[in-house]
């Protein structure tokens, strides 16, 4: 899944695999293997990629379809201060609502 997400994000920015390899400090072959699924980046590299593309590591890893990191979502809640636990609960609820919507659409 990470390979598909990397390719999608890279293409959205109009970048070449070589551009990404240089940004990460790896060979183009290594980066290409990330996109094709022949190899997976280590945790530090996943974090660097998430920061670069301004998405969550969960999005990169395919655990969610929500691109926005939790910290950014906090800015959209009327200026209230939210704990990390509360932000995670908000994310879980949003995912639940999306699943309900998808189930409803399948029935229609």
Protein backbone atom coordinates (compact mmCIF):
# COMPACT_ATOMS: atom_id res chain seq x y z
CA UNK A 1 0.00 0.00 0.00
CA UNK A 2 2.80 2.45 0.80
CA UNK A 3 4.14 2.12 -2.73
CA UNK A 4 0.80 3.09 -4.24
CA UNK A 5 0.47 6.06 -1.90
CA UNK A 6 4.01 7.25 -2.61
CA UNK A 7 3.42 7.12 -6.36
CA UNK A 8 0.11 8.96 -6.03
CA UNK A 9 1.58 11.73 -3.89
CA UNK A 10 4.70 12.06 -6.03
CA UNK A 11 2.67 12.33 -9.23
CA UNK A 12 0.30 14.86 -7.65
CA UNK A 13 3.32 17.09 -7.06
CA UNK A 14 4.65 16.49 -10.57
CA UNK A 15 7.88 14.96 -9.29
CA UNK A 16 10.08 12.24 -10.74
CA UNK A 17 11.35 9.25 -8.83
CA UNK A 18 14.82 10.78 -9.06
CA UNK A 19 13.56 13.93 -7.32
CA UNK A 20 12.26 11.84 -4.44
CA UNK A 21 15.43 9.77 -4.24
CA UNK A 22 17.55 12.92 -4.00
CA UNK A 23 15.28 14.41 -1.32
CA UNK A 24 15.61 11.22 0.73
CA UNK A 25 19.31 10.75 0.06
CA UNK A 26 18.85 7.31 -1.49
CA UNK A 27 19.44 5.93 -4.98
CA UNK A 28 16.69 6.11 -7.57
CA UNK A 29 16.65 2.31 -7.59
CA UNK A 30 15.97 2.24 -3.85
CA UNK A 31 13.14 4.73 -4.17
CA UNK A 32 11.69 2.83 -7.15
CA UNK A 33 11.64 -0.30 -4.99
CA UNK A 34 9.56 1.59 -2.39
CA UNK A 35 6.96 2.42 -5.04
CA UNK A 36 6.91 -1.07 -6.55
CA UNK A 37 6.69 -2.81 -3.18
CA UNK A 38 9.98 -4.66 -3.59
CA UNK A 39 11.32 -2.85 -0.54
CA UNK A 40 9.84 -0.78 2.28
CA UNK A 41 11.31 2.38 3.76
CA UNK A 42 12.36 2.36 7.40
CA UNK A 43 10.38 4.26 10.03
CA UNK A 44 12.57 7.38 9.82
CA UNK A 45 12.07 7.50 6.07
CA UNK A 46 8.32 6.98 6.37
CA UNK A 47 8.21 9.88 8.81
CA UNK A 48 10.28 12.07 6.49
CA UNK A 49 7.98 11.23 3.57
CA UNK A 50 4.85 11.98 5.60
CA UNK A 51 6.30 15.34 6.63
CA UNK A 52 7.31 16.13 3.06
CA UNK A 53 3.87 15.34 1.61
CA UNK A 54 2.07 16.79 4.65
CA UNK A 55 0.12 13.59 5.29
CA UNK A 56 -0.08 11.27 8.25
CA UNK A 57 2.08 8.17 8.46
CA UNK A 58 -1.17 6.20 8.78
CA UNK A 59 -2.22 7.52 5.37
CA UNK A 60 1.11 6.52 3.83
CA UNK A 61 0.86 3.05 5.33
CA UNK A 62 -2.70 2.60 4.10
CA UNK A 63 -4.25 2.41 7.56
CA UNK A 64 -6.59 5.33 6.79
CA UNK A 65 -7.75 7.36 3.84
CA UNK A 66 -7.49 10.54 5.89
CA UNK A 67 -4.51 12.48 4.60
CA UNK A 68 -4.36 15.22 7.21
CA UNK A 69 -2.24 14.68 10.30
CA UNK A 70 -4.17 14.95 13.57
CA UNK A 71 -2.39 18.16 14.61
CA UNK A 72 -3.79 19.98 11.59
CA UNK A 73 -7.32 18.78 12.30
CA UNK A 74 -7.17 20.45 15.72
CA UNK A 75 -7.07 23.84 14.02
CA UNK A 76 -10.55 23.21 12.62
CA UNK A 77 -12.33 22.80 15.94
CA UNK A 78 -13.29 26.37 16.87
CA UNK A 79 -9.91 27.16 18.41
CA UNK A 80 -10.45 24.79 21.31
CA UNK A 81 -7.50 22.97 22.80
CA UNK A 82 -7.73 19.20 22.28
CA UNK A 83 -5.65 16.49 23.88
CA UNK A 84 -3.98 13.89 21.70
CA UNK A 85 -6.45 11.31 23.02
CA UNK A 86 -9.42 13.53 22.10
CA UNK A 87 -8.05 14.12 18.61
CA UNK A 88 -7.65 10.39 18.10
CA UNK A 89 -11.25 9.87 19.24
CA UNK A 90 -12.41 12.51 16.75
CA UNK A 91 -10.53 10.68 14.00
CA UNK A 92 -12.09 7.35 14.99
CA UNK A 93 -15.55 8.92 14.92
CA UNK A 94 -14.94 10.45 11.50
CA UNK A 95 -13.81 7.07 10.19
CA UNK A 96 -16.96 5.47 11.69
CA UNK A 97 -19.21 8.03 9.97
CA UNK A 98 -17.42 7.43 6.65
CA UNK A 99 -17.93 3.67 6.99
CA UNK A 100 -21.64 4.18 7.70
CA UNK A 101 -21.93 6.39 4.61
CA UNK A 102 -20.19 3.78 2.45
CA UNK A 103 -22.46 1.02 3.76
CA UNK A 104 -25.53 3.15 3.04
CA UNK A 105 -24.31 3.89 -0.49
CA UNK A 106 -23.78 0.18 -1.14
CA UNK A 107 -27.37 -0.58 -0.13
CA UNK A 108 -28.81 2.07 -2.46
